N, C-alpha and C. Protein backbone atom coordinates (compact mmCIF):
# COMPACT_ATOMS: atom_id res chain seq x y z
N MET A 1 50.39 -155.18 -60.72
CA MET A 1 50.67 -155.42 -62.12
C MET A 1 49.43 -155.07 -62.95
N HIS A 2 49.67 -154.69 -64.19
CA HIS A 2 48.57 -154.24 -65.05
C HIS A 2 47.85 -155.39 -65.75
N VAL A 3 48.35 -156.63 -65.64
CA VAL A 3 47.68 -157.78 -66.25
C VAL A 3 47.32 -158.78 -65.18
N ARG A 4 46.30 -159.56 -65.46
CA ARG A 4 45.83 -160.59 -64.54
C ARG A 4 45.67 -161.90 -65.31
N GLN A 5 45.55 -162.97 -64.56
CA GLN A 5 45.35 -164.28 -65.17
C GLN A 5 44.04 -164.27 -65.95
N GLY A 6 44.09 -164.78 -67.19
CA GLY A 6 42.91 -164.82 -68.04
C GLY A 6 42.80 -163.66 -69.02
N ASP A 7 43.61 -162.61 -68.84
CA ASP A 7 43.60 -161.47 -69.77
C ASP A 7 44.18 -161.89 -71.11
N THR A 8 43.72 -161.25 -72.18
CA THR A 8 44.31 -161.43 -73.50
C THR A 8 45.32 -160.32 -73.69
N VAL A 9 46.56 -160.69 -74.05
CA VAL A 9 47.63 -159.71 -74.19
C VAL A 9 48.34 -159.88 -75.53
N GLN A 10 49.05 -158.82 -75.93
CA GLN A 10 49.88 -158.84 -77.13
C GLN A 10 51.31 -158.52 -76.70
N VAL A 11 52.28 -159.27 -77.23
CA VAL A 11 53.69 -159.04 -76.93
C VAL A 11 54.15 -157.84 -77.75
N ILE A 12 54.81 -156.86 -77.10
CA ILE A 12 55.19 -155.63 -77.79
C ILE A 12 56.68 -155.53 -78.06
N SER A 13 57.50 -156.46 -77.52
CA SER A 13 58.93 -156.44 -77.82
C SER A 13 59.52 -157.82 -77.67
N GLY A 14 60.66 -158.03 -78.30
CA GLY A 14 61.35 -159.31 -78.21
C GLY A 14 61.11 -160.17 -79.44
N ASP A 15 61.56 -161.44 -79.35
CA ASP A 15 61.46 -162.37 -80.47
C ASP A 15 60.01 -162.67 -80.86
N ASP A 16 59.10 -162.65 -79.89
CA ASP A 16 57.70 -162.99 -80.13
C ASP A 16 56.83 -161.76 -80.33
N LYS A 17 57.42 -160.64 -80.74
CA LYS A 17 56.69 -159.38 -80.91
C LYS A 17 55.50 -159.58 -81.86
N GLY A 18 54.32 -159.11 -81.43
CA GLY A 18 53.12 -159.18 -82.25
C GLY A 18 52.23 -160.37 -81.94
N LYS A 19 52.73 -161.36 -81.21
CA LYS A 19 51.92 -162.54 -80.90
C LYS A 19 50.88 -162.19 -79.83
N VAL A 20 49.71 -162.82 -79.95
CA VAL A 20 48.61 -162.59 -79.03
C VAL A 20 48.30 -163.89 -78.32
N GLY A 21 48.05 -163.82 -77.01
CA GLY A 21 47.71 -165.01 -76.25
C GLY A 21 47.08 -164.66 -74.92
N GLU A 22 46.65 -165.69 -74.22
CA GLU A 22 46.00 -165.51 -72.92
C GLU A 22 47.02 -165.73 -71.81
N VAL A 23 46.92 -164.92 -70.76
CA VAL A 23 47.82 -165.05 -69.61
C VAL A 23 47.42 -166.29 -68.83
N LEU A 24 48.34 -167.26 -68.73
CA LEU A 24 48.08 -168.50 -68.01
C LEU A 24 48.40 -168.36 -66.52
N ARG A 25 49.51 -167.67 -66.22
CA ARG A 25 49.93 -167.48 -64.83
C ARG A 25 50.57 -166.12 -64.68
N VAL A 26 50.45 -165.57 -63.48
CA VAL A 26 51.09 -164.31 -63.14
C VAL A 26 52.05 -164.58 -61.99
N LEU A 27 53.29 -164.11 -62.13
CA LEU A 27 54.31 -164.28 -61.10
C LEU A 27 54.66 -162.90 -60.54
N PRO A 28 53.91 -162.41 -59.54
CA PRO A 28 54.11 -161.04 -59.07
C PRO A 28 55.45 -160.81 -58.37
N GLU A 29 56.07 -161.87 -57.82
CA GLU A 29 57.35 -161.70 -57.13
C GLU A 29 58.43 -161.21 -58.08
N THR A 30 58.40 -161.71 -59.32
CA THR A 30 59.41 -161.34 -60.32
C THR A 30 58.83 -160.44 -61.41
N SER A 31 57.58 -160.06 -61.29
CA SER A 31 56.88 -159.22 -62.26
C SER A 31 56.89 -159.86 -63.65
N GLN A 32 56.61 -161.16 -63.70
CA GLN A 32 56.60 -161.89 -64.96
C GLN A 32 55.24 -162.55 -65.19
N VAL A 33 54.97 -162.87 -66.46
CA VAL A 33 53.74 -163.55 -66.83
C VAL A 33 54.07 -164.70 -67.77
N ILE A 34 53.20 -165.72 -67.78
CA ILE A 34 53.32 -166.82 -68.71
C ILE A 34 52.12 -166.72 -69.65
N VAL A 35 52.41 -166.60 -70.95
CA VAL A 35 51.37 -166.39 -71.96
C VAL A 35 51.31 -167.63 -72.86
N ALA A 36 50.09 -168.09 -73.15
CA ALA A 36 49.89 -169.28 -73.98
C ALA A 36 50.44 -169.07 -75.38
N GLY A 37 51.30 -169.99 -75.84
CA GLY A 37 51.84 -169.95 -77.19
C GLY A 37 52.94 -168.94 -77.43
N VAL A 38 53.46 -168.33 -76.37
CA VAL A 38 54.48 -167.30 -76.50
C VAL A 38 55.71 -167.71 -75.68
N ASN A 39 56.90 -167.40 -76.18
CA ASN A 39 58.16 -167.68 -75.50
C ASN A 39 58.31 -169.18 -75.22
N ILE A 40 58.14 -169.98 -76.27
CA ILE A 40 58.21 -171.43 -76.16
C ILE A 40 59.68 -171.85 -76.00
N ARG A 41 59.95 -172.69 -75.02
CA ARG A 41 61.28 -173.22 -74.76
C ARG A 41 61.25 -174.73 -74.93
N THR A 42 62.36 -175.29 -75.42
CA THR A 42 62.47 -176.73 -75.64
C THR A 42 63.42 -177.31 -74.60
N LYS A 43 62.99 -178.42 -73.98
CA LYS A 43 63.82 -179.08 -72.97
C LYS A 43 63.93 -180.55 -73.34
N HIS A 44 65.15 -181.07 -73.40
CA HIS A 44 65.38 -182.48 -73.69
C HIS A 44 65.43 -183.24 -72.38
N VAL A 45 64.55 -184.22 -72.22
CA VAL A 45 64.44 -184.99 -70.98
C VAL A 45 64.99 -186.39 -71.22
N LYS A 46 65.95 -186.79 -70.38
CA LYS A 46 66.52 -188.13 -70.50
C LYS A 46 65.54 -189.16 -69.97
N PRO A 47 65.64 -190.41 -70.43
CA PRO A 47 64.78 -191.46 -69.88
C PRO A 47 65.12 -191.72 -68.41
N GLN A 48 64.11 -191.86 -67.57
CA GLN A 48 64.32 -192.05 -66.14
C GLN A 48 64.48 -193.52 -65.76
N ARG A 49 63.79 -194.40 -66.47
CA ARG A 49 63.83 -195.83 -66.17
C ARG A 49 64.30 -196.59 -67.40
N GLU A 50 64.72 -197.81 -67.16
CA GLU A 50 65.16 -198.65 -68.27
C GLU A 50 63.96 -199.00 -69.14
N GLY A 51 64.11 -198.88 -70.43
CA GLY A 51 63.02 -199.18 -71.35
C GLY A 51 62.24 -197.95 -71.78
N GLU A 52 62.35 -196.84 -71.06
CA GLU A 52 61.67 -195.60 -71.44
C GLU A 52 62.46 -194.90 -72.54
N LYS A 53 61.78 -194.04 -73.26
CA LYS A 53 62.42 -193.23 -74.28
C LYS A 53 62.59 -191.80 -73.76
N GLY A 54 63.60 -191.13 -74.29
CA GLY A 54 63.77 -189.72 -73.97
C GLY A 54 62.69 -188.89 -74.66
N GLN A 55 62.49 -187.68 -74.19
CA GLN A 55 61.44 -186.82 -74.75
C GLN A 55 61.99 -185.43 -75.01
N ILE A 56 61.30 -184.74 -75.88
CA ILE A 56 61.55 -183.31 -76.09
C ILE A 56 60.29 -182.60 -75.64
N VAL A 57 60.39 -181.82 -74.55
CA VAL A 57 59.23 -181.15 -73.97
C VAL A 57 59.27 -179.67 -74.36
N ARG A 58 58.17 -179.19 -74.89
CA ARG A 58 58.05 -177.78 -75.26
C ARG A 58 57.06 -177.12 -74.30
N ALA A 59 57.49 -176.01 -73.69
CA ALA A 59 56.63 -175.33 -72.71
C ALA A 59 56.86 -173.82 -72.78
N GLU A 60 55.85 -173.07 -72.32
CA GLU A 60 55.95 -171.62 -72.28
C GLU A 60 56.83 -171.20 -71.11
N ALA A 61 57.73 -170.28 -71.35
CA ALA A 61 58.58 -169.73 -70.31
C ALA A 61 58.06 -168.34 -69.94
N PRO A 62 58.35 -167.88 -68.73
CA PRO A 62 57.87 -166.55 -68.33
C PRO A 62 58.56 -165.44 -69.11
N LEU A 63 57.85 -164.32 -69.27
CA LEU A 63 58.45 -163.12 -69.82
C LEU A 63 58.00 -161.94 -68.97
N HIS A 64 58.77 -160.86 -69.02
CA HIS A 64 58.50 -159.73 -68.14
C HIS A 64 57.19 -159.05 -68.52
N SER A 65 56.46 -158.59 -67.51
CA SER A 65 55.14 -158.00 -67.74
C SER A 65 55.21 -156.70 -68.53
N SER A 66 56.35 -156.04 -68.55
CA SER A 66 56.48 -154.80 -69.31
C SER A 66 56.52 -155.06 -70.82
N LYS A 67 56.69 -156.31 -71.22
CA LYS A 67 56.75 -156.65 -72.64
C LYS A 67 55.38 -156.99 -73.22
N VAL A 68 54.32 -156.90 -72.42
CA VAL A 68 52.98 -157.21 -72.92
C VAL A 68 52.03 -156.05 -72.66
N MET A 69 51.03 -155.93 -73.55
CA MET A 69 49.96 -154.94 -73.40
C MET A 69 48.63 -155.67 -73.50
N LEU A 70 47.64 -155.16 -72.81
CA LEU A 70 46.30 -155.73 -72.92
C LEU A 70 45.82 -155.59 -74.35
N TYR A 71 45.03 -156.55 -74.80
CA TYR A 71 44.62 -156.62 -76.20
C TYR A 71 43.11 -156.76 -76.30
N SER A 72 42.50 -156.02 -77.21
CA SER A 72 41.07 -156.10 -77.45
C SER A 72 40.83 -156.99 -78.67
N LYS A 73 40.12 -158.10 -78.46
CA LYS A 73 39.81 -159.00 -79.57
C LYS A 73 38.80 -158.38 -80.53
N GLU A 74 37.88 -157.59 -79.99
CA GLU A 74 36.83 -156.98 -80.82
C GLU A 74 37.41 -155.98 -81.82
N LYS A 75 38.33 -155.12 -81.36
CA LYS A 75 38.88 -154.05 -82.21
C LYS A 75 40.24 -154.42 -82.78
N ASP A 76 40.82 -155.55 -82.38
CA ASP A 76 42.14 -156.00 -82.82
C ASP A 76 43.20 -154.92 -82.59
N VAL A 77 43.27 -154.41 -81.36
CA VAL A 77 44.23 -153.36 -81.03
C VAL A 77 44.73 -153.56 -79.60
N ALA A 78 46.02 -153.26 -79.37
CA ALA A 78 46.58 -153.30 -78.02
C ALA A 78 46.40 -151.93 -77.39
N SER A 79 46.21 -151.92 -76.07
CA SER A 79 45.92 -150.67 -75.39
C SER A 79 46.44 -150.69 -73.97
N ARG A 80 46.69 -149.49 -73.43
CA ARG A 80 47.04 -149.38 -72.02
C ARG A 80 45.76 -149.54 -71.20
N VAL A 81 45.94 -149.71 -69.90
CA VAL A 81 44.81 -149.91 -69.01
C VAL A 81 44.65 -148.68 -68.12
N CYS A 82 43.41 -148.34 -67.82
CA CYS A 82 43.13 -147.29 -66.85
C CYS A 82 42.02 -147.81 -65.93
N HIS A 83 41.72 -147.08 -64.90
CA HIS A 83 40.68 -147.49 -63.96
C HIS A 83 39.54 -146.49 -63.99
N THR A 84 38.33 -147.00 -63.86
CA THR A 84 37.15 -146.15 -63.84
C THR A 84 36.12 -146.79 -62.92
N TYR A 85 35.03 -146.09 -62.70
CA TYR A 85 33.98 -146.59 -61.82
C TYR A 85 32.70 -146.84 -62.63
N THR A 86 31.98 -147.90 -62.30
CA THR A 86 30.71 -148.18 -62.95
C THR A 86 29.61 -147.38 -62.27
N GLU A 87 28.40 -147.48 -62.81
CA GLU A 87 27.27 -146.75 -62.24
C GLU A 87 26.97 -147.17 -60.80
N ASP A 88 27.22 -148.45 -60.51
CA ASP A 88 26.94 -148.93 -59.14
C ASP A 88 28.12 -148.72 -58.19
N GLY A 89 29.17 -148.01 -58.63
CA GLY A 89 30.26 -147.63 -57.74
C GLY A 89 31.44 -148.59 -57.68
N ARG A 90 31.44 -149.65 -58.50
CA ARG A 90 32.56 -150.59 -58.49
C ARG A 90 33.71 -150.04 -59.33
N LYS A 91 34.94 -150.23 -58.86
CA LYS A 91 36.12 -149.82 -59.60
C LYS A 91 36.49 -150.95 -60.56
N VAL A 92 36.60 -150.64 -61.86
CA VAL A 92 36.91 -151.65 -62.87
C VAL A 92 38.05 -151.15 -63.77
N ARG A 93 38.70 -152.09 -64.44
CA ARG A 93 39.74 -151.75 -65.39
C ARG A 93 39.10 -151.49 -66.75
N MET A 94 39.73 -150.59 -67.54
CA MET A 94 39.19 -150.23 -68.84
C MET A 94 40.35 -150.04 -69.82
N LEU A 95 40.15 -150.45 -71.07
CA LEU A 95 41.15 -150.22 -72.10
C LEU A 95 41.04 -148.77 -72.57
N LYS A 96 42.15 -148.05 -72.59
CA LYS A 96 42.12 -146.63 -72.92
C LYS A 96 41.68 -146.36 -74.35
N LYS A 97 42.18 -147.13 -75.31
CA LYS A 97 41.88 -146.85 -76.72
C LYS A 97 40.43 -147.14 -77.08
N THR A 98 39.89 -148.25 -76.56
CA THR A 98 38.56 -148.68 -76.99
C THR A 98 37.46 -148.36 -76.01
N GLY A 99 37.81 -148.11 -74.75
CA GLY A 99 36.79 -147.89 -73.73
C GLY A 99 36.14 -149.17 -73.24
N GLU A 100 36.69 -150.31 -73.66
CA GLU A 100 36.15 -151.63 -73.29
C GLU A 100 36.43 -151.91 -71.81
N LEU A 101 35.42 -152.33 -71.07
CA LEU A 101 35.58 -152.64 -69.65
C LEU A 101 36.10 -154.06 -69.47
N LEU A 102 37.03 -154.22 -68.55
CA LEU A 102 37.57 -155.53 -68.20
C LEU A 102 37.00 -155.90 -66.84
N LEU A 103 35.85 -156.54 -66.85
CA LEU A 103 35.19 -156.88 -65.61
C LEU A 103 35.90 -158.05 -64.93
N PRO A 104 36.01 -158.00 -63.61
CA PRO A 104 36.67 -159.10 -62.90
C PRO A 104 35.83 -160.36 -62.97
N LYS A 105 36.52 -161.49 -63.04
CA LYS A 105 35.81 -162.77 -63.08
C LYS A 105 35.30 -163.08 -61.68
N PRO A 106 34.10 -163.71 -61.59
CA PRO A 106 33.58 -164.04 -60.26
C PRO A 106 34.49 -165.03 -59.55
N THR A 107 34.74 -164.77 -58.28
CA THR A 107 35.62 -165.63 -57.50
C THR A 107 34.79 -166.69 -56.78
N LYS A 108 35.38 -167.86 -56.62
CA LYS A 108 34.71 -168.93 -55.90
C LYS A 108 34.92 -168.72 -54.41
N LYS A 109 33.85 -168.77 -53.65
CA LYS A 109 33.95 -168.59 -52.22
C LYS A 109 34.33 -169.91 -51.56
N LYS A 110 35.30 -169.84 -50.66
CA LYS A 110 35.72 -171.04 -49.94
C LYS A 110 34.85 -171.16 -48.70
N GLY A 111 34.58 -172.39 -48.34
CA GLY A 111 33.77 -172.61 -47.15
C GLY A 111 32.72 -173.69 -47.40
N ASN A 112 31.72 -173.72 -46.50
CA ASN A 112 30.65 -174.72 -46.56
C ASN A 112 31.17 -176.10 -46.37
């Protein structure tokens, strides 16, 4: 998939077209993403125990990854992604329109 968790994306089609948010989760099995503040769904929850009140829960629902594009906060523009190599030989993602590099976040090593 062209987006990863933590990327800033812009919705390019649908009811939320034009909204910008951060990718909270990536669901590669269904090629969907969950974006903060986008595709909000409302769910009415009944009280589970006596004395409790019912609730209205609002949460982000997944949307297909083809409906989002990577977004540059610096230039305020959405762009496709391409791959390039840095001087030290690492393969990194880059925004085509701006040339901005999307460096991978450092991963935590398990062990010790």
